[in-house]
Structures are given as C-alpha cells and as structure tokens.
C-alpha atoms as a PDB file:
ATOM      1  CA  MET A   1      86.726  98.286 113.943  1.00  0.00           C
ATOM      2  CA  LYS A   2      83.246  99.102 112.655  1.00  0.00           C
ATOM      3  CA  ASN A   3      83.926  99.289 108.936  1.00  0.00           C
ATOM      4  CA  ILE A   4      87.361  97.716 108.611  1.00  0.00           C
ATOM      5  CA  VAL A   5      86.094  94.353 107.337  1.00  0.00           C
ATOM      6  CA  LYS A   6      83.691  96.024 104.934  1.00  0.00           C
ATOM      7  CA  LEU A   7      86.324  98.471 103.706  1.00  0.00           C
ATOM      8  CA  VAL A   8      88.733  95.630 102.972  1.00  0.00           C
ATOM      9  CA  SER A   9      86.006  93.597 101.247  1.00  0.00           C
ATOM     10  CA  PHE A  10      84.782  96.454  99.061  1.00  0.00           C
ATOM     11  CA  ASN A  11      88.307  97.491  98.107  1.00  0.00           C
ATOM     12  CA  THR A  12      89.590  94.012  97.215  1.00  0.00           C
ATOM     13  CA  PHE A  13      87.514  91.062  95.984  1.00  0.00           C
ATOM     14  CA  ILE A  14      83.942  92.418  95.857  1.00  0.00           C
ATOM     15  CA  PRO A  15      84.480  94.865  92.949  1.00  0.00           C
ATOM     16  CA  PHE A  16      85.501  91.924  90.777  1.00  0.00           C
ATOM     17  CA  PHE A  17      82.704  89.436  91.438  1.00  0.00           C
ATOM     18  CA  TYR A  18      79.898  91.919  92.160  1.00  0.00           C
ATOM     19  CA  PRO A  19      78.999  92.729  88.511  1.00  0.00           C
ATOM     20  CA  ALA A  20      78.580  89.048  87.622  1.00  0.00           C
ATOM     21  CA  LEU A  21      76.638  88.386  90.831  1.00  0.00           C
ATOM     22  CA  MET A  22      74.226  91.253  90.130  1.00  0.00           C
ATOM     23  CA  LEU A  23      73.721  90.621  86.403  1.00  0.00           C
ATOM     24  CA  PRO A  24      70.735  88.214  86.773  1.00  0.00           C
ATOM     25  CA  ILE A  25      68.695  90.768  88.739  1.00  0.00           C
ATOM     26  CA  LYS A  26      69.635  93.886  86.757  1.00  0.00           C
ATOM     27  CA  PRO A  27      66.213  93.994  84.995  1.00  0.00           C
ATOM     28  CA  TRP A  28      64.513  93.796  88.392  1.00  0.00           C
ATOM     29  CA  ARG A  29      66.638  96.635  89.766  1.00  0.00           C
ATOM     30  CA  THR A  30      65.757  98.730  86.725  1.00  0.00           C
ATOM     31  CA  LYS A  31      62.065  97.936  87.194  1.00  0.00           C
ATOM     32  CA  ALA A  32      62.272  98.930  90.874  1.00  0.00           C
ATOM     33  CA  ILE A  33      63.802 102.305  90.042  1.00  0.00           C
ATOM     34  CA  LYS A  34      60.757 102.994  87.868  1.00  0.00           C
ATOM     35  CA  MET A  35      58.655 102.897  91.056  1.00  0.00           C
ATOM     36  CA  LEU A  36      59.991 106.405  91.696  1.00  0.00           C
ATOM     37  CA  ASP A  37      58.130 109.395  90.289  1.00  0.00           C
ATOM     38  CA  PHE A  38      61.011 111.398  88.830  1.00  0.00           C
ATOM     39  CA  HIS A  39      60.672 115.043  87.812  1.00  0.00           C
ATOM     40  CA  THR A  40      63.075 117.153  85.774  1.00  0.00           C
ATOM     41  CA  GLY A  41      65.602 118.806  88.070  1.00  0.00           C
ATOM     42  CA  ASP A  42      65.166 116.341  90.942  1.00  0.00           C
ATOM     43  CA  ARG A  43      68.207 115.781  93.095  1.00  0.00           C
ATOM     44  CA  VAL A  44      68.754 112.108  93.916  1.00  0.00           C
ATOM     45  CA  ILE A  45      71.077 110.503  96.456  1.00  0.00           C
ATOM     46  CA  VAL A  46      72.352 106.949  95.971  1.00  0.00           C
ATOM     47  CA  PRO A  47      74.199 105.715  99.090  1.00  0.00           C
ATOM     48  CA  GLY A  48      76.363 102.667  98.567  1.00  0.00           C
ATOM     49  CA  VAL A  49      76.501 103.498  94.869  1.00  0.00           C
ATOM     50  CA  GLY A  50      79.447 101.127  94.429  1.00  0.00           C
ATOM     51  CA  SER A  51      80.555 100.899  90.809  1.00  0.00           C
ATOM     52  CA  GLY A  52      77.388 102.615  89.605  1.00  0.00           C
ATOM     53  CA  HIS A  53      75.377  99.517  88.771  1.00  0.00           C
ATOM     54  CA  ASP A  54      72.051 101.412  88.791  1.00  0.00           C
ATOM     55  CA  LEU A  55      73.082 104.784  87.399  1.00  0.00           C
ATOM     56  CA  SER A  56      72.220 104.100  83.761  1.00  0.00           C
ATOM     57  CA  ALA A  57      68.607 103.363  84.801  1.00  0.00           C
ATOM     58  CA  ILE A  58      68.096 106.829  86.323  1.00  0.00           C
ATOM     59  CA  PRO A  59      66.704 109.576  84.028  1.00  0.00           C
ATOM     60  CA  ASN A  60      69.225 111.998  82.555  1.00  0.00           C
ATOM     61  CA  ASP A  61      67.244 115.094  83.526  1.00  0.00           C
ATOM     62  CA  VAL A  62      67.886 114.697  87.280  1.00  0.00           C
ATOM     63  CA  HIS A  63      71.106 115.207  89.234  1.00  0.00           C
ATOM     64  CA  VAL A  64      72.514 112.206  91.085  1.00  0.00           C
ATOM     65  CA  ASP A  65      74.894 112.247  94.062  1.00  0.00           C
ATOM     66  CA  GLY A  66      76.371 108.778  94.507  1.00  0.00           C
ATOM     67  CA  ILE A  67      78.405 108.033  97.627  1.00  0.00           C
ATOM     68  CA  ASP A  68      80.415 105.046  98.792  1.00  0.00           C
ATOM     69  CA  ILE A  69      83.200 104.142 101.214  1.00  0.00           C
ATOM     70  CA  SER A  70      85.192 102.185  98.606  1.00  0.00           C
ATOM     71  CA  ASP A  71      87.841 103.971  96.544  1.00  0.00           C
ATOM     72  CA  VAL A  72      88.062 100.993  94.189  1.00  0.00           C
ATOM     73  CA  MET A  73      84.313 100.828  93.554  1.00  0.00           C
ATOM     74  CA  LEU A  74      84.129 104.597  93.026  1.00  0.00           C
ATOM     75  CA  GLY A  75      87.062 104.436  90.612  1.00  0.00           C
ATOM     76  CA  ILE A  76      85.248 101.826  88.528  1.00  0.00           C
ATOM     77  CA  GLY A  77      82.064 103.875  88.768  1.00  0.00           C
ATOM     78  CA  LYS A  78      83.740 107.021  87.431  1.00  0.00           C
ATOM     79  CA  LEU A  79      85.041 105.096  84.420  1.00  0.00           C
ATOM     80  CA  LYS A  80      81.520 103.798  83.756  1.00  0.00           C
ATOM     81  CA  LEU A  81      80.114 107.341  83.915  1.00  0.00           C
ATOM     82  CA  LYS A  82      82.339 108.266  80.982  1.00  0.00           C
ATOM     83  CA  LEU A  83      81.484 105.052  79.154  1.00  0.00           C
ATOM     84  CA  PHE A  84      77.730 105.575  79.547  1.00  0.00           C
ATOM     85  CA  GLY A  85      78.015 109.307  78.835  1.00  0.00           C
ATOM     86  CA  ILE A  86      76.222 110.237  82.056  1.00  0.00           C
ATOM     87  CA  ASP A  87      79.060 112.049  83.808  1.00  0.00           C
ATOM     88  CA  LYS A  88      77.354 115.424  83.285  1.00  0.00           C
ATOM     89  CA  HIS A  89      74.509 114.734  85.733  1.00  0.00           C
ATOM     90  CA  VAL A  90      76.127 112.263  88.168  1.00  0.00           C
ATOM     91  CA  THR A  91      78.613 113.124  90.919  1.00  0.00           C
ATOM     92  CA  LEU A  92      80.434 110.381  92.833  1.00  0.00           C
ATOM     93  CA  ASN A  93      82.116 111.028  96.174  1.00  0.00           C
ATOM     94  CA  LYS A  94      83.665 109.038  98.994  1.00  0.00           C
ATOM     95  CA  MET A  95      81.502 109.396 102.092  1.00  0.00           C
ATOM     96  CA  ASP A  96      80.243 107.407 105.080  1.00  0.00           C
ATOM     97  CA  ALA A  97      76.488 106.913 104.696  1.00  0.00           C
ATOM     98  CA  GLU A  98      76.139 106.957 108.480  1.00  0.00           C
ATOM     99  CA  LYS A  99      77.496 110.536 108.560  1.00  0.00           C
ATOM    100  CA  LEU A 100      76.242 112.262 105.427  1.00  0.00           C
ATOM    101  CA  LEU A 101      77.857 115.608 104.624  1.00  0.00           C
ATOM    102  CA  PHE A 102      74.655 117.125 103.256  1.00  0.00           C
ATOM    103  CA  ASP A 103      72.193 119.581 104.739  1.00  0.00           C
ATOM    104  CA  ASP A 104      68.739 118.549 105.910  1.00  0.00           C
ATOM    105  CA  ASN A 105      66.039 118.359 103.228  1.00  0.00           C
ATOM    106  CA  THR A 106      68.472 118.422 100.289  1.00  0.00           C
ATOM    107  CA  PHE A 107      67.197 115.582  98.095  1.00  0.00           C
ATOM    108  CA  ASP A 108      63.941 114.810  96.297  1.00  0.00           C
ATOM    109  CA  LYS A 109      64.630 111.085  95.957  1.00  0.00           C
ATOM    110  CA  ALA A 110      66.875 108.389  97.455  1.00  0.00           C
ATOM    111  CA  ILE A 111      67.743 105.008  95.967  1.00  0.00           C
ATOM    112  CA  LEU A 112      68.921 102.375  98.461  1.00  0.00           C
ATOM    113  CA  SER A 113      69.703  99.431  96.222  1.00  0.00           C
ATOM    114  CA  LEU A 114      71.097  96.400  98.084  1.00  0.00           C
ATOM    115  CA  PHE A 115      72.459  98.879 100.609  1.00  0.00           C
ATOM    116  CA  LEU A 116      70.716  98.370 103.964  1.00  0.00           C
ATOM    117  CA  THR A 117      71.909  94.759 104.190  1.00  0.00           C
ATOM    118  CA  VAL A 118      75.582  95.701 103.734  1.00  0.00           C
ATOM    119  CA  VAL A 119      75.959  98.976 105.646  1.00  0.00           C
ATOM    120  CA  PHE A 120      77.256  98.457 109.186  1.00  0.00           C
ATOM    121  CA  ASP A 121      74.474 100.257 111.076  1.00  0.00           C
ATOM    122  CA  ALA A 122      71.370 100.141 108.865  1.00  0.00           C
ATOM    123  CA  LYS A 123      69.173 102.072 111.286  1.00  0.00           C
ATOM    124  CA  LYS A 124      71.664 104.922 111.606  1.00  0.00           C
ATOM    125  CA  ALA A 125      72.280 105.059 107.861  1.00  0.00           C
ATOM    126  CA  PHE A 126      68.553 105.101 107.121  1.00  0.00           C
ATOM    127  CA  SER A 127      67.972 107.924 109.607  1.00  0.00           C
ATOM    128  CA  GLU A 128      70.647 109.940 107.781  1.00  0.00           C
ATOM    129  CA  ILE A 129      68.927 109.307 104.454  1.00  0.00           C
ATOM    130  CA  VAL A 130      65.602 110.441 105.903  1.00  0.00           C
ATOM    131  CA  ARG A 131      67.281 113.562 107.292  1.00  0.00           C
ATOM    132  CA  VAL A 132      68.613 114.690 103.914  1.00  0.00           C
ATOM    133  CA  VAL A 133      65.441 113.853 101.944  1.00  0.00           C
ATOM    134  CA  LYS A 134      62.819 116.588 101.661  1.00  0.00           C
ATOM    135  CA  PRO A 135      59.345 116.169 103.178  1.00  0.00           C
ATOM    136  CA  GLY A 136      57.225 114.475 100.519  1.00  0.00           C
ATOM    137  CA  GLY A 137      60.364 112.940  98.997  1.00  0.00           C
ATOM    138  CA  GLN A 138      60.487 109.308  97.908  1.00  0.00           C
ATOM    139  CA  ILE A 139      62.897 106.657  99.178  1.00  0.00           C
ATOM    140  CA  LEU A 140      63.289 103.426  97.211  1.00  0.00           C
ATOM    141  CA  VAL A 141      64.591 100.434  99.162  1.00  0.00           C
ATOM    142  CA  PHE A 142      65.504  97.488  96.929  1.00  0.00           C
ATOM    143  CA  ASP A 143      66.877  94.742  99.135  1.00  0.00           C
ATOM    144  CA  HIS A 144      66.468  91.275 100.672  1.00  0.00           C
ATOM    145  CA  LEU A 145      64.990  92.554 103.917  1.00  0.00           C
ATOM    146  CA  LEU A 146      62.600  90.666 106.154  1.00  0.00           C
ATOM    147  CA  ARG A 147      59.331  92.007 107.542  1.00  0.00           C
ATOM    148  CA  LYS A 148      58.411  91.851 111.207  1.00  0.00           C
ATOM    149  CA  GLY A 149      57.279  88.350 112.119  1.00  0.00           C
ATOM    150  CA  ASP A 150      59.192  86.566 109.356  1.00  0.00           C
ATOM    151  CA  ILE A 151      61.847  85.469 111.882  1.00  0.00           C
ATOM    152  CA  PRO A 152      61.548  85.885 115.682  1.00  0.00           C
ATOM    153  CA  GLY A 153      63.564  88.830 116.941  1.00  0.00           C
ATOM    154  CA  VAL A 154      65.367  86.660 119.478  1.00  0.00           C
ATOM    155  CA  ILE A 155      66.949  84.882 116.503  1.00  0.00           C
ATOM    156  CA  ALA A 156      67.243  87.687 113.943  1.00  0.00           C
ATOM    157  CA  LYS A 157      68.860  90.323 116.165  1.00  0.00           C
ATOM    158  CA  PRO A 158      71.777  88.223 117.517  1.00  0.00           C
ATOM    159  CA  VAL A 159      72.483  86.830 114.042  1.00  0.00           C
ATOM    160  CA  ASP A 160      72.438  90.301 112.524  1.00  0.00           C
ATOM    161  CA  ALA A 161      74.782  91.574 115.256  1.00  0.00           C
ATOM    162  CA  VAL A 162      77.366  89.053 114.046  1.00  0.00           C
ATOM    163  CA  LEU A 163      76.719  89.465 110.325  1.00  0.00           C
ATOM    164  CA  SER A 164      77.044  93.258 110.616  1.00  0.00           C
ATOM    165  CA  TYR A 165      80.805  92.715 110.538  1.00  0.00           C
ATOM    166  CA  SER A 166      80.681  90.587 107.381  1.00  0.00           C
ATOM    167  CA  PHE A 167      79.912  91.392 103.743  1.00  0.00           C
ATOM    168  CA  ALA A 168      76.127  91.368 104.215  1.00  0.00           C
ATOM    169  CA  SER A 169      73.372  90.453 106.650  1.00  0.00           C
ATOM    170  CA  VAL A 170      70.381  88.353 105.611  1.00  0.00           C
ATOM    171  CA  THR A 171      68.345  88.780 108.790  1.00  0.00           C
ATOM    172  CA  ARG A 172      67.661  92.516 108.891  1.00  0.00           C
ATOM    173  CA  VAL A 173      64.044  93.551 109.353  1.00  0.00           C
ATOM    174  CA  LEU A 174      62.786  96.576 107.434  1.00  0.00           C
ATOM    175  CA  ASP A 175      60.272  97.473 110.147  1.00  0.00           C
ATOM    176  CA  ASP A 176      63.065  97.686 112.735  1.00  0.00           C
ATOM    177  CA  ILE A 177      65.236  99.829 110.481  1.00  0.00           C
ATOM    178  CA  ILE A 178      62.541 102.410 109.741  1.00  0.00           C
ATOM    179  CA  GLU A 179      60.990 102.394 113.221  1.00  0.00           C
ATOM    180  CA  GLY A 180      60.553 105.915 114.573  1.00  0.00           C
ATOM    181  CA  GLN A 181      61.283 107.575 111.237  1.00  0.00           C
ATOM    182  CA  PRO A 182      58.742 109.875 109.537  1.00  0.00           C
ATOM    183  CA  VAL A 183      58.166 107.570 106.582  1.00  0.00           C
ATOM    184  CA  THR A 184      55.317 105.485 105.204  1.00  0.00           C
ATOM    185  CA  ILE A 185      55.602 102.425 102.968  1.00  0.00           C
ATOM    186  CA  GLU A 186      53.510 103.305  99.899  1.00  0.00           C
ATOM    187  CA  LYS A 187      54.134 100.305  97.644  1.00  0.00           C
ATOM    188  CA  VAL A 188      55.869  96.914  97.649  1.00  0.00           C
ATOM    189  CA  GLU A 189      56.875  94.968  94.534  1.00  0.00           C
ATOM    190  CA  LYS A 190      58.708  91.702  93.929  1.00  0.00           C
ATOM    191  CA  GLY A 191      62.392  92.317  93.278  1.00  0.00           C
ATOM    192  CA  ASP A 192      63.495  88.985  91.859  1.00  0.00           C
ATOM    193  CA  PRO A 193      61.845  85.908  90.292  1.00  0.00           C
ATOM    194  CA  VAL A 194      61.202  84.237  93.670  1.00  0.00           C
ATOM    195  CA  GLY A 195      60.543  87.302  95.804  1.00  0.00           C
ATOM    196  CA  LEU A 196      63.528  87.075  98.157  1.00  0.00           C
ATOM    197  CA  ILE A 197      64.318  90.647  97.208  1.00  0.00           C
ATOM    198  CA  LYS A 198      61.616  93.315  97.213  1.00  0.00           C
ATOM    199  CA  GLY A 199      61.243  96.898  96.137  1.00  0.00           C
ATOM    200  CA  PHE A 200      59.792  99.116  98.883  1.00  0.00           C
ATOM    201  CA  LEU A 201      58.667 102.621  97.985  1.00  0.00           C
ATOM    202  CA  LEU A 202      58.592 104.907 101.025  1.00  0.00           C
ATOM    203  CA  VAL A 203      57.553 108.541 101.338  1.00  0.00           C
ATOM    204  CA  LYS A 204      58.842 110.986 103.953  1.00  0.00           C
ATOM    205  CA  HIS A 205      56.108 112.844 105.858  1.00  0.00           C
END
C-alpha cells in the first residue's frame, strides 16, 4: 500500500501540472543548488529527480545519478536530457529512494529538491542518502520543511502520518528527519520570496 497512491499520482496527473507549478520558484531552486561546492569529477545523486527540473542547473563537469519511482516522469526527463544536451553526464534510473541500490560512500553530493515532503518515509529515505554519501560530502535539502518547535509534535506527527499517503506532506520537521544521522546543518537560505521553502546545506561527518 505504501507507495501505491504516490505511484499513481506521479504516473498520471502530476507530470502534467508539475512544470507549471514549479516555474515560479525555478530561480530559487537554481540559487539553492549553488550552495553546493562542486568539484570536477564529483558524483551527485538526485533522488526524486522527476522530469529533471533541476538538472540543467548542475555543472556539466560532474556526473549525476537521478532516480525516481515514476516511469512517466523519467521518460520526460530522458527527453529533456537530449534537449538540454546533458545526456552525457546524467544517468536516470527507476529506483526506490528508501532502498538505494548503491554502495556506501559512493557520492560526493546529494540534491534533495522538494523530495523529503513527497517521499513516503522521509526518515528512511534520508538515512539511505546519508549512507551513500561520502564522509565530508554535502547534502542540499530544498523543501518546505518545518523546524522543531514550529508546530507541536502532537499535531504535526498525526497529520504527517495521514499526509504520507497523499501527494505531499506540509508538516514534516527537518530535525526529526535527520535525527540520529551523522550530519550537521552548515547553512540555511530562503528558498522562495516568502520563506516557506528553505535551502538547507548539510555536511556528513
């Protein structure tokens, strides 16, 4: 049952309205990606890559592995790779972000762009990302996540439990998601004109 609703959503109506929905914040997403300190030859993982909305903002001298559970979104993404001429350094594959098929300490960077609020189990998915990122590697979280204390847990957790089965949750708390993981928040920047979305730059110990 876990991902059935999300699979249906991401393979039917979401691919068609998502680009228009995301267009107003594209400059902010691009700005957030620049929080990362890229180096030539870096290997970057982008879970929930969707139709590749952020791929053109990533430098061409790194290799990107984008993964998603949606065949439709990945199909659109592969067409865009050809259109943008970036298919030489980007690989897209179908994969469950909660069970990554990569070895430990594989990636130098991770970009989680509007991902942790739509994945079914954000804590599990984040732990997988941390596992495959190298020590000292950077993880960018660009999302509308709350911080501890913004909403009482007795309200946020039950609401999130319900919304986990829908398109997205708006009550997830970043501190809860990263709790117990060997990461430190290094920088926080506004991710939209009003600050509902933020860019969080984390580093793995």
